[in-house]
C-alpha atoms as a PDB file:
ATOM      1  CA  MET A   1      -4.071  -5.377 -19.014  1.00  0.00           C
ATOM      2  CA  PHE A   2      -2.885  -2.345 -17.080  1.00  0.00           C
ATOM      3  CA  PHE A   3       0.004  -2.486 -14.651  1.00  0.00           C
ATOM      4  CA  SER A   4       1.031  -0.346 -11.729  1.00  0.00           C
ATOM      5  CA  ASN A   5       4.694  -0.118 -10.862  1.00  0.00           C
ATOM      6  CA  LEU A   6       6.328  -0.562  -7.480  1.00  0.00           C
ATOM      7  CA  LEU A   7      10.061   0.006  -7.364  1.00  0.00           C
ATOM      8  CA  LEU A   8      12.134  -2.930  -6.214  1.00  0.00           C
ATOM      9  CA  ARG A   9      15.270  -1.683  -4.477  1.00  0.00           C
ATOM     10  CA  GLY A  10      18.374  -3.671  -3.655  1.00  0.00           C
ATOM     11  CA  VAL A  11      18.037  -6.248  -6.425  1.00  0.00           C
ATOM     12  CA  ARG A  12      21.335  -7.083  -8.102  1.00  0.00           C
ATOM     13  CA  MET A  13      21.050  -8.267 -11.682  1.00  0.00           C
ATOM     14  CA  THR A  14      23.403  -8.008 -14.617  1.00  0.00           C
ATOM     15  CA  GLN A  15      21.206  -6.029 -16.978  1.00  0.00           C
ATOM     16  CA  ALA A  16      23.476  -6.482 -19.966  1.00  0.00           C
ATOM     17  CA  PHE A  17      23.241 -10.271 -19.622  1.00  0.00           C
ATOM     18  CA  ARG A  18      19.463 -10.174 -19.155  1.00  0.00           C
ATOM     19  CA  ALA A  19      19.083  -7.859 -22.153  1.00  0.00           C
ATOM     20  CA  LEU A  20      21.107 -10.154 -24.378  1.00  0.00           C
ATOM     21  CA  SER A  21      19.196 -13.234 -23.291  1.00  0.00           C
ATOM     22  CA  ALA A  22      15.896 -11.426 -24.010  1.00  0.00           C
ATOM     23  CA  ASN A  23      17.132 -10.121 -27.399  1.00  0.00           C
ATOM     24  CA  ALA A  24      16.354  -6.573 -26.263  1.00  0.00           C
ATOM     25  CA  GLN A  25      16.601  -3.728 -28.744  1.00  0.00           C
ATOM     26  CA  GLY A  26      17.785  -0.299 -27.698  1.00  0.00           C
ATOM     27  CA  ILE A  27      18.741   3.144 -28.880  1.00  0.00           C
ATOM     28  CA  ASN A  28      22.491   3.759 -28.719  1.00  0.00           C
ATOM     29  CA  GLU A  29      23.592   2.490 -25.288  1.00  0.00           C
ATOM     30  CA  HIS A  30      20.100   2.551 -23.727  1.00  0.00           C
ATOM     31  CA  LEU A  31      18.213  -0.735 -23.341  1.00  0.00           C
ATOM     32  CA  ALA A  32      14.792  -1.334 -21.823  1.00  0.00           C
ATOM     33  CA  PHE A  33      12.819  -4.562 -21.767  1.00  0.00           C
ATOM     34  CA  MET A  34      10.194  -6.376 -19.713  1.00  0.00           C
ATOM     35  CA  GLU A  35       9.920 -10.010 -18.796  1.00  0.00           C
ATOM     36  CA  PRO A  36       7.516 -12.076 -16.705  1.00  0.00           C
ATOM     37  CA  THR A  37       8.594 -13.734 -13.494  1.00  0.00           C
ATOM     38  CA  SER A  38       7.435 -17.147 -12.353  1.00  0.00           C
ATOM     39  CA  LYS A  39       7.575 -16.059  -8.705  1.00  0.00           C
ATOM     40  CA  LYS A  40       4.654 -14.864  -6.638  1.00  0.00           C
ATOM     41  CA  ILE A  41       5.506 -11.331  -5.512  1.00  0.00           C
ATOM     42  CA  ARG A  42       3.957  -9.695  -2.437  1.00  0.00           C
ATOM     43  CA  VAL A  43       4.324  -6.083  -1.307  1.00  0.00           C
ATOM     44  CA  GLU A  44       3.765  -5.242   2.346  1.00  0.00           C
ATOM     45  CA  PHE A  45       3.784  -1.902   4.131  1.00  0.00           C
ATOM     46  CA  ALA A  46       3.230  -1.416   7.870  1.00  0.00           C
ATOM     47  CA  GLY A  47       2.110  -5.044   8.164  1.00  0.00           C
ATOM     48  CA  GLU A  48      -0.548  -4.662   5.441  1.00  0.00           C
ATOM     49  CA  THR A  49      -0.405  -6.502   2.114  1.00  0.00           C
ATOM     50  CA  ILE A  50      -0.609  -3.864  -0.633  1.00  0.00           C
ATOM     51  CA  ALA A  51      -0.148  -6.142  -3.655  1.00  0.00           C
ATOM     52  CA  SER A  52       0.187  -9.855  -4.292  1.00  0.00           C
ATOM     53  CA  SER A  53       0.475 -11.452  -7.710  1.00  0.00           C
ATOM     54  CA  SER A  54       1.941 -14.274  -9.756  1.00  0.00           C
ATOM     55  CA  ARG A  55       1.385 -12.207 -12.938  1.00  0.00           C
ATOM     56  CA  VAL A  56       4.129  -9.639 -12.321  1.00  0.00           C
ATOM     57  CA  LEU A  57       6.372  -8.226 -15.045  1.00  0.00           C
ATOM     58  CA  ILE A  58       9.905  -6.975 -14.353  1.00  0.00           C
ATOM     59  CA  MET A  59      11.191  -3.978 -16.308  1.00  0.00           C
ATOM     60  CA  HIS A  60      14.945  -3.771 -16.813  1.00  0.00           C
ATOM     61  CA  GLU A  61      16.360  -0.480 -18.051  1.00  0.00           C
ATOM     62  CA  THR A  62      19.910   0.782 -18.483  1.00  0.00           C
ATOM     63  CA  ASN A  63      21.163   2.656 -15.389  1.00  0.00           C
ATOM     64  CA  HIS A  64      18.033   1.833 -13.339  1.00  0.00           C
ATOM     65  CA  GLN A  65      17.148  -0.790 -10.758  1.00  0.00           C
ATOM     66  CA  PRO A  66      14.641  -3.412 -11.963  1.00  0.00           C
ATOM     67  CA  VAL A  67      10.996  -2.434 -11.340  1.00  0.00           C
ATOM     68  CA  TYR A  68       8.062  -4.772 -10.727  1.00  0.00           C
ATOM     69  CA  TYR A  69       4.813  -4.044 -12.583  1.00  0.00           C
ATOM     70  CA  PHE A  70       1.651  -5.501 -11.060  1.00  0.00           C
ATOM     71  CA  PRO A  71      -1.754  -5.895 -12.722  1.00  0.00           C
ATOM     72  CA  PHE A  72      -4.092  -3.271 -11.199  1.00  0.00           C
ATOM     73  CA  SER A  73      -6.480  -6.061 -10.231  1.00  0.00           C
ATOM     74  CA  ASP A  74      -3.786  -7.496  -7.918  1.00  0.00           C
ATOM     75  CA  VAL A  75      -3.107  -4.193  -6.123  1.00  0.00           C
ATOM     76  CA  ARG A  76      -5.243  -2.961  -3.235  1.00  0.00           C
ATOM     77  CA  MET A  77      -5.750   0.484  -4.752  1.00  0.00           C
ATOM     78  CA  GLU A  78      -7.897   1.640  -1.810  1.00  0.00           C
ATOM     79  CA  LEU A  79      -4.742   1.611   0.330  1.00  0.00           C
ATOM     80  CA  LEU A  80      -2.808   3.908  -2.032  1.00  0.00           C
ATOM     81  CA  GLU A  81      -2.860   7.692  -2.259  1.00  0.00           C
ATOM     82  CA  THR A  82      -2.622   9.893  -5.323  1.00  0.00           C
ATOM     83  CA  SER A  83       0.791  11.455  -5.860  1.00  0.00           C
ATOM     84  CA  ILE A  84       1.881  14.522  -7.812  1.00  0.00           C
ATOM     85  CA  ARG A  85       4.978  12.622  -8.995  1.00  0.00           C
ATOM     86  CA  SER A  86       5.010  11.098 -12.438  1.00  0.00           C
ATOM     87  CA  THR A  87       7.473   9.070 -14.483  1.00  0.00           C
ATOM     88  CA  HIS A  88       8.007   8.745 -18.185  1.00  0.00           C
END
């Protein structure tokens, strides 16, 4: 299953606590882990629903805000544009 990512801003979560509860492994001080959410998550832009899913994963990473990852099948890809930006 492939996932697209949409950044969730403004979410406050104690990443260290979440990492410990998920038994996350890291390198030195850096931790990264993903977990499912039981919530249905919907993304809207300009009154249009871009994505809606109950199969979302949340990625938690040291020094970053949590990010939602949606299955491609739950994202209206025809409403998105290609970007030159990339992440790694």
